[in-house]
Amino acid sequence: MKLFNHHTPLLLLFGCTIALTGCSPSSRHVDHTPSAPSLVVHTPSTELAKDTLVESAPRALNTPDANAIDPAKQISQPGSQPLLENMVQIPEGWFTMGQEEFSDALPKRRIWVDCFWMDATEVTNEQFAHFVDQTGYVTLAERPIDPVQFPNLKASQLEPGSIVFTPSEGPVSLDNHTQWWQWVKGASWKHPEGPKSSIEGRERHPVLQVAWADAVAYATWAGKLLPTEAQWERAARGGFDQKEFCWGDDKPGTPRWQANIWQGSFPDSNSRADGYVAAAPVGSFPSNAYGLFDMSGNVWEWCADWYRPDAYFLKELRNPKGPDSSHDPAEPGTPKRVQRGGSYLCSDVYCRRYVPGGRGKQDVESATNHVGFRCVVLIETNHANH
């Protein structure tokens, strides 16, 4: 049976479309860790933040104008936490990037990545709340729909909201994702499943309902960056070159669950064999060999790169930054960024992109309750490139 790939379809809302992605809406070799390098920290500048903005992108319902997605315009002061706190050093080196089972992750190629630091966990609700308290930042999902852009909508349809996973009542065909994704008024990072939900008691859970610009805004405030695809996959593999999973070749659940993914009949019944039915607190599962948690499953993670299915044909083999623009043949004209890691909705029967070589994609202006992010800090070393 040909399984539906839900990286590609659209959710119809009020006669408009919102792109979904990911499990959503589209021989052993261990690298030797180099000696401790001298640090020269690269932090994002205002110009870098402006360079990452989406130009001429169709706006989602919640985006009032082009300037609204400029994170630099809402940042008032830098973060107060030490820059490298709760971060892990990822050693420089070559690794094999790509995975045979995914056409958009081919051809496999040897890639060099310089040393960098990565958050040990996904950014949490607690961390994001501190950012919002310090800056007054308002996420895309919290912004009302612009009536100028959508003059045919009623006033009641202009309220902020976002996309929420809702299990079906029973087994359904997997060729229509609107059976388990719904637009919910009032859904936001503070209320991931809708206005009746809360993050109280979920401070250590990954922040959800963040669009790409929201993740960039946080990273810029913190003096960090979103990882490139190459950095993310280098880190996720933990030094184990060409292994099937972030932890090696053992199948999930043998003998224990190493990641928060879906068990049971999707999308109606999650057996919770791994202990969780939705996103888990960060660090609930064992880390990979580099000391990074939840690089597989839990929530998708935004990356800096534009998405293209042919991105791996680019000739850049040292610290690649991805293509200059986005193109998804399934939705031409919809700018998308890469997401990595899969989520709690991924499984071997529906979405295997929780493996380290799997790629996700999502409209830059869409947010869901299974997408988050983590950040990196770049460093320079005195080691010569090999």
Protein backbone atom coordinates (compact mmCIF):
# COMPACT_ATOMS: atom_id res chain seq x y z
CA MET A 1 0.00 0.00 0.00
CA LYS A 2 1.33 3.40 -0.92
CA LEU A 3 1.32 5.54 2.18
CA PHE A 4 0.33 9.17 2.01
CA ASN A 5 3.16 11.67 2.37
CA HIS A 6 1.71 14.49 4.43
CA HIS A 7 4.55 16.88 3.80
CA THR A 8 2.66 18.19 0.80
CA PRO A 9 -1.04 18.91 1.28
CA LEU A 10 -2.86 22.08 2.30
CA LEU A 11 -5.43 22.83 4.92
CA LEU A 12 -8.38 24.73 3.53
CA LEU A 13 -9.63 27.52 5.77
CA PHE A 14 -12.15 30.23 4.92
CA GLY A 15 -11.31 29.70 1.26
CA CYS A 16 -7.60 30.26 2.00
CA THR A 17 -4.80 27.74 2.32
CA ILE A 18 -2.29 27.08 5.05
CA ALA A 19 0.59 24.73 4.33
CA LEU A 20 1.39 21.81 6.57
CA THR A 21 4.51 19.68 6.70
CA GLY A 22 6.58 17.12 8.32
CA CYS A 23 4.66 14.39 10.07
CA SER A 24 2.26 17.18 9.66
CA PRO A 25 1.17 19.40 7.41
CA SER A 26 4.80 17.77 3.92
CA SER A 27 30.37 0.17 9.38
CA ARG A 28 30.32 2.10 12.59
CA HIS A 29 32.55 5.11 12.57
CA VAL A 30 32.84 7.47 15.53
CA ASP A 31 34.56 10.79 14.93
CA HIS A 32 37.41 11.67 17.23
CA THR A 33 36.57 14.80 19.22
CA PRO A 34 39.25 17.44 18.67
CA SER A 35 41.05 19.16 21.50
CA ALA A 36 39.28 22.13 23.03
CA PRO A 37 39.41 25.04 20.59
CA SER A 38 39.85 28.68 21.34
CA LEU A 39 36.44 30.29 21.05
CA VAL A 40 35.48 33.13 18.77
CA VAL A 41 31.72 33.40 19.10
CA HIS A 42 29.68 34.48 16.08
CA THR A 43 26.40 36.08 17.06
CA PRO A 44 23.72 37.27 14.65
CA SER A 45 23.72 40.90 13.65
CA THR A 46 20.76 43.03 12.66
CA GLU A 47 21.80 42.63 9.05
CA LEU A 48 21.82 38.85 9.40
CA ALA A 49 18.36 38.93 10.91
CA LYS A 50 17.13 41.03 7.99
CA ASP A 51 18.80 38.72 5.49
CA THR A 52 16.82 35.77 6.81
CA LEU A 53 13.45 37.38 6.18
CA VAL A 54 11.09 35.99 3.61
CA GLU A 55 10.84 38.27 0.62
CA SER A 56 7.69 38.40 -1.48
CA ALA A 57 6.23 35.49 0.46
CA PRO A 58 2.48 34.93 0.45
CA ARG A 59 1.29 35.85 3.93
CA ALA A 60 -0.53 33.51 6.26
CA LEU A 61 -3.80 34.67 7.76
CA ASN A 62 -2.13 35.96 10.91
CA THR A 63 0.53 38.09 9.26
CA PRO A 64 -0.61 41.73 9.11
CA ASP A 65 2.19 43.06 6.89
CA ALA A 66 5.65 42.31 5.56
CA ASN A 67 7.39 43.99 8.50
CA ALA A 68 5.51 41.86 10.98
CA ILE A 69 7.75 38.86 10.37
CA ASP A 70 10.95 40.88 10.88
CA PRO A 71 12.23 39.61 14.23
CA ALA A 72 14.70 42.47 14.53
CA LYS A 73 11.81 44.92 14.83
CA GLN A 74 10.53 43.28 18.04
CA ILE A 75 13.81 42.68 19.86
CA SER A 76 14.55 45.18 22.61
CA GLN A 77 17.42 43.67 24.59
CA PRO A 78 19.73 40.65 24.57
CA GLY A 79 19.13 37.59 26.67
CA SER A 80 20.61 37.53 30.14
CA GLN A 81 21.61 33.88 30.35
CA PRO A 82 25.24 32.89 29.66
CA LEU A 83 25.53 32.20 25.96
CA LEU A 84 26.75 28.61 26.13
CA GLU A 85 24.69 27.50 29.12
CA ASN A 86 23.03 24.11 28.51
CA MET A 87 24.76 23.82 25.12
CA VAL A 88 26.88 20.97 23.78
CA GLN A 89 30.04 21.28 21.69
CA ILE A 90 29.79 19.46 18.37
CA PRO A 91 33.23 18.61 16.96
CA GLU A 92 34.35 19.57 13.49
CA GLY A 93 34.60 16.82 10.94
CA TRP A 94 33.33 15.03 7.87
CA PHE A 95 30.16 12.94 7.86
CA THR A 96 27.91 11.29 5.29
CA MET A 97 24.77 13.40 4.84
CA GLY A 98 21.59 11.90 3.39
CA GLN A 99 19.44 8.78 3.62
CA GLU A 100 18.63 6.27 0.88
CA GLU A 101 14.91 5.92 1.59
CA PHE A 102 14.08 9.59 0.92
CA SER A 103 14.35 11.00 -2.60
CA ASP A 104 14.83 14.53 -1.29
CA ALA A 105 17.75 13.37 0.90
CA LEU A 106 19.82 12.16 -2.08
CA PRO A 107 22.46 11.92 -3.30
CA LYS A 108 24.30 11.01 -0.13
CA ARG A 109 27.51 13.01 0.11
CA ARG A 110 30.45 13.66 2.39
CA ILE A 111 30.08 17.01 4.16
CA TRP A 112 32.49 18.97 6.35
CA VAL A 113 31.06 20.96 9.26
CA ASP A 114 33.11 23.26 11.47
CA CYS A 115 32.91 23.00 15.24
CA PHE A 116 29.83 24.64 16.80
CA TRP A 117 27.69 24.56 19.92
CA MET A 118 24.08 23.35 19.99
CA ASP A 119 21.34 23.55 22.60
CA ALA A 120 21.23 20.23 24.44
CA THR A 121 17.44 20.31 24.27
CA GLU A 122 14.67 21.93 22.32
CA VAL A 123 13.79 25.44 23.52
CA THR A 124 11.29 25.09 26.35
CA ASN A 125 8.13 26.97 27.28
CA GLU A 126 10.02 28.39 30.25
CA GLN A 127 12.80 29.76 28.04
CA PHE A 128 10.42 31.16 25.46
CA ALA A 129 8.30 32.79 28.18
CA HIS A 130 11.41 34.55 29.49
CA PHE A 131 12.10 35.85 25.98
CA VAL A 132 8.53 37.13 25.64
CA ASP A 133 8.64 38.74 29.09
CA GLN A 134 11.87 40.54 28.19
CA THR A 135 10.84 41.71 24.72
CA GLY A 136 7.05 41.80 24.50
CA TYR A 137 7.31 39.70 21.35
CA VAL A 138 4.04 38.52 19.81
CA THR A 139 4.12 35.32 17.77
CA LEU A 140 2.43 34.99 14.41
CA ALA A 141 -0.26 32.72 15.83
CA GLU A 142 -1.20 35.41 18.37
CA ARG A 143 -1.72 38.13 15.77
CA PRO A 144 -5.18 38.86 14.37
CA ILE A 145 -5.88 38.22 10.72
CA ASP A 146 -5.52 41.34 8.60
CA PRO A 147 -8.97 42.35 7.23
CA VAL A 148 -7.28 44.34 4.45
CA GLN A 149 -5.80 41.14 3.05
CA PHE A 150 -9.00 39.16 3.59
CA PRO A 151 -11.91 41.59 3.12
CA ASN A 152 -14.44 38.79 2.62
CA LEU A 153 -13.96 37.33 6.09
CA LYS A 154 -16.43 38.05 8.85
CA ALA A 155 -15.21 39.76 12.02
CA SER A 156 -15.52 36.47 13.91
CA GLN A 157 -13.15 34.86 11.41
CA LEU A 158 -10.37 37.39 12.01
CA GLU A 159 -9.44 36.10 15.44
CA PRO A 160 -5.93 34.68 15.94
CA GLY A 161 -5.44 30.94 15.89
CA SER A 162 -3.29 28.11 14.63
CA ILE A 163 -3.23 24.48 13.46
CA VAL A 164 -3.76 21.69 15.99
CA PHE A 165 -3.48 17.91 15.72
CA THR A 166 -6.79 16.27 16.65
CA PRO A 167 -6.94 12.46 16.66
CA SER A 168 -9.65 10.98 14.49
CA GLU A 169 -12.46 9.00 16.13
CA GLY A 170 -11.39 5.81 14.41
CA PRO A 171 -9.23 4.46 11.58
CA VAL A 172 -9.28 6.71 8.50
CA SER A 173 -7.69 6.80 5.10
CA LEU A 174 -4.29 8.49 5.25
CA ASP A 175 -4.82 10.45 2.04
CA ASN A 176 -6.70 13.35 3.65
CA HIS A 177 -4.85 15.04 6.49
CA THR A 178 -7.74 17.40 7.27
CA GLN A 179 -9.20 14.46 9.17
CA TRP A 180 -6.64 15.03 11.92
CA TRP A 181 -5.55 18.66 11.54
CA GLN A 182 -7.84 21.52 12.50
CA TRP A 183 -7.63 25.30 12.61
CA VAL A 184 -8.35 26.29 16.23
CA LYS A 185 -9.08 29.86 17.26
CA GLY A 186 -6.95 30.92 20.20
CA ALA A 187 -4.28 28.27 19.69
CA SER A 188 -0.81 29.71 20.35
CA TRP A 189 2.39 28.90 22.20
CA LYS A 190 0.60 29.69 25.49
CA HIS A 191 -2.37 27.52 24.50
CA PRO A 192 -0.91 24.85 22.17
CA GLU A 193 -4.11 22.85 21.73
CA GLY A 194 -6.49 25.81 21.86
CA PRO A 195 -7.81 28.36 24.37
CA LYS A 196 -8.83 25.70 26.91
CA SER A 197 -5.27 24.33 27.05
CA SER A 198 -2.37 25.81 28.98
CA ILE A 199 1.37 25.48 29.43
CA GLU A 200 1.05 25.66 33.21
CA GLY A 201 2.95 22.68 34.55
CA ARG A 202 4.57 22.20 31.13
CA GLU A 203 7.47 24.62 31.64
CA ARG A 204 9.99 21.95 30.63
CA HIS A 205 8.06 20.93 27.53
CA PRO A 206 9.26 22.20 24.15
CA VAL A 207 7.61 25.42 23.05
CA LEU A 208 5.06 24.73 20.30
CA GLN A 209 3.04 26.80 17.82
CA VAL A 210 6.07 28.80 16.71
CA ALA A 211 6.47 29.80 13.08
CA TRP A 212 9.92 30.12 11.50
CA ALA A 213 10.10 33.88 12.14
CA ASP A 214 9.24 33.30 15.80
CA ALA A 215 12.16 30.88 16.12
CA VAL A 216 14.49 33.36 14.42
CA ALA A 217 13.31 36.12 16.77
CA TYR A 218 14.14 34.04 19.83
CA ALA A 219 17.51 32.96 18.44
CA THR A 220 18.49 36.52 17.59
CA TRP A 221 17.51 37.76 21.05
CA ALA A 222 19.54 34.96 22.64
CA GLY A 223 22.60 35.78 20.51
CA LYS A 224 22.29 32.50 18.63
CA LEU A 225 21.19 31.13 15.25
CA LEU A 226 18.99 28.41 13.88
CA PRO A 227 21.12 25.47 12.73
CA THR A 228 21.76 24.73 9.11
CA GLU A 229 20.56 21.36 7.86
CA ALA A 230 24.14 20.13 7.73
CA GLN A 231 24.84 21.22 11.31
CA TRP A 232 21.62 19.62 12.49
CA GLU A 233 22.29 16.25 10.84
CA ARG A 234 25.95 16.24 11.90
CA ALA A 235 24.82 16.77 15.50
CA ALA A 236 21.92 14.29 15.32
CA ARG A 237 24.12 11.44 14.14
CA GLY A 238 26.31 11.78 17.21
CA GLY A 239 29.46 10.70 15.36
CA PHE A 240 27.90 7.43 14.13
CA ASP A 241 28.28 7.68 10.38
CA GLN A 242 25.49 6.20 8.22
CA LYS A 243 23.61 4.54 11.08
CA GLU A 244 19.84 4.25 10.65
CA PHE A 245 18.90 6.05 13.87
CA CYS A 246 20.40 8.76 16.05
CA TRP A 247 21.37 6.08 18.59
CA GLY A 248 22.63 3.41 16.17
CA ASP A 249 20.83 0.57 14.38
CA ASP A 250 18.58 -0.82 17.12
CA LYS A 251 14.91 -0.47 16.23
CA PRO A 252 12.82 1.86 18.44
CA GLY A 253 11.53 0.01 21.47
CA THR A 254 14.24 -2.66 21.40
CA PRO A 255 14.86 -3.07 24.23
CA ARG A 256 13.58 0.39 25.28
CA TRP A 257 12.09 3.42 23.59
CA GLN A 258 14.81 5.88 22.59
CA ALA A 259 12.47 8.52 21.14
CA ASN A 260 8.98 9.95 21.50
CA ILE A 261 7.16 8.75 18.38
CA TRP A 262 3.71 7.31 17.61
CA GLN A 263 2.80 3.75 18.54
CA GLY A 264 -0.48 2.22 17.45
CA SER A 265 -3.00 3.08 14.75
CA PHE A 266 -2.41 6.53 13.25
CA PRO A 267 -4.13 8.98 13.59
CA ASP A 268 -6.74 7.61 15.97
CA SER A 269 -5.02 5.58 18.68
CA ASN A 270 -1.62 6.11 20.28
CA SER A 271 -0.85 3.24 22.66
CA ARG A 272 1.68 5.36 24.61
CA ALA A 273 4.15 2.47 24.68
CA ASP A 274 6.92 5.06 25.02
CA GLY A 275 5.08 6.74 27.89
CA TYR A 276 3.71 9.77 26.02
CA VAL A 277 0.78 10.55 23.77
CA ALA A 278 1.97 14.04 22.76
CA ALA A 279 5.11 16.14 23.23
CA ALA A 280 7.21 15.05 26.22
CA PRO A 281 9.28 17.19 28.58
CA VAL A 282 12.69 17.79 27.03
CA GLY A 283 15.28 15.21 28.02
CA SER A 284 12.74 12.46 28.77
CA PHE A 285 14.64 10.01 26.55
CA PRO A 286 18.34 9.11 26.43
CA SER A 287 20.70 11.53 24.72
CA ASN A 288 22.72 10.64 21.64
CA ALA A 289 26.48 10.17 21.78
CA TYR A 290 27.08 13.93 21.69
CA GLY A 291 24.80 14.54 24.68
CA LEU A 292 21.87 15.98 22.68
CA PHE A 293 18.31 15.07 23.66
CA ASP A 294 15.26 14.51 21.45
CA MET A 295 17.05 14.73 18.11
CA SER A 296 14.59 12.06 17.02
CA GLY A 297 10.86 12.51 17.57
CA ASN A 298 9.13 14.72 20.14
CA VAL A 299 8.80 17.84 17.94
CA TRP A 300 10.02 18.91 14.54
CA GLU A 301 12.78 21.53 14.68
CA TRP A 302 13.11 24.53 12.38
CA CYS A 303 16.39 24.92 10.46
CA ALA A 304 17.84 27.92 8.67
CA ASP A 305 17.80 26.39 5.17
CA TRP A 306 15.25 26.96 2.45
CA TYR A 307 13.62 23.72 1.35
CA ARG A 308 14.16 22.26 -2.10
CA PRO A 309 13.91 18.57 -3.02
CA ASP A 310 17.08 18.88 -5.09
CA ALA A 311 19.15 20.70 -2.45
CA TYR A 312 21.61 17.82 -2.09
CA PHE A 313 22.79 18.28 -5.68
CA LEU A 314 24.46 21.56 -4.68
CA LYS A 315 28.24 21.42 -4.94
CA GLU A 316 28.96 23.09 -1.59
CA LEU A 317 30.58 20.43 0.58
CA ARG A 318 32.02 22.52 3.43
CA ASN A 319 29.57 24.13 5.85
CA PRO A 320 26.74 24.17 3.27
CA LYS A 321 24.01 26.71 3.91
CA GLY A 322 21.48 25.29 1.48
CA PRO A 323 19.84 26.82 -1.59
CA ASP A 324 19.20 30.54 -2.11
CA SER A 325 15.46 30.10 -2.46
CA SER A 326 12.65 27.67 -1.80
CA HIS A 327 10.80 25.44 -4.22
CA ASP A 328 8.39 22.63 -3.45
CA PRO A 329 6.89 21.10 -6.63
CA ALA A 330 3.85 20.07 -4.59
CA GLU A 331 3.09 23.69 -3.68
CA PRO A 332 4.90 26.02 -6.09
CA GLY A 333 5.13 29.58 -4.82
CA THR A 334 4.83 28.69 -1.13
CA PRO A 335 8.16 29.51 0.59
CA LYS A 336 9.21 26.73 2.93
CA ARG A 337 12.05 26.17 5.36
CA VAL A 338 13.50 22.83 6.38
CA GLN A 339 12.50 21.07 9.57
CA ARG A 340 14.35 18.13 11.07
CA GLY A 341 13.93 15.35 13.61
CA GLY A 342 10.33 14.27 13.20
CA SER A 343 7.80 14.43 16.01
CA TYR A 344 5.56 12.44 18.32
CA LEU A 345 3.30 11.88 15.30
CA CYS A 346 5.93 9.99 13.31
CA SER A 347 5.92 6.20 13.04
CA ASP A 348 7.17 3.46 10.76
CA VAL A 349 3.72 3.09 9.20
CA TYR A 350 3.12 6.73 8.39
CA CYS A 351 6.18 8.98 8.65
CA ARG A 352 9.68 7.62 9.12
CA ARG A 353 11.32 11.00 8.93
CA TYR A 354 12.30 10.82 12.58
CA VAL A 355 15.54 9.19 11.40
CA PRO A 356 18.62 11.46 11.21
CA GLY A 357 18.57 11.78 7.41
CA GLY A 358 14.85 12.54 7.14
CA ARG A 359 13.83 16.03 5.99
CA GLY A 360 10.68 17.98 6.77
CA LYS A 361 9.35 21.17 5.22
CA GLN A 362 6.83 23.79 6.23
CA ASP A 363 5.40 27.09 5.11
CA VAL A 364 7.42 29.74 6.95
CA GLU A 365 4.29 31.43 8.27
CA SER A 366 2.55 28.34 9.65
CA ALA A 367 2.77 26.96 13.18
CA THR A 368 1.46 23.71 14.67
CA ASN A 369 1.50 21.90 18.00
CA HIS A 370 4.21 19.48 16.95
CA VAL A 371 6.88 21.95 15.82
CA GLY A 372 9.56 23.64 17.92
CA PHE A 373 13.27 24.47 17.54
CA ARG A 374 16.71 24.61 19.11
CA CYS A 375 19.63 26.98 18.50
CA VAL A 376 23.35 26.93 17.73
CA VAL A 377 26.36 29.16 18.32
CA LEU A 378 29.19 29.17 15.78
CA ILE A 379 32.82 29.13 16.83
CA GLU A 380 36.18 29.33 15.14
CA THR A 381 39.03 26.98 15.98
CA ASN A 382 42.75 27.11 15.42
CA HIS A 383 42.64 23.68 13.78
CA ALA A 384 43.29 23.60 10.06
CA ASN A 385 40.56 22.15 7.91
CA HIS A 386 41.25 18.58 6.82
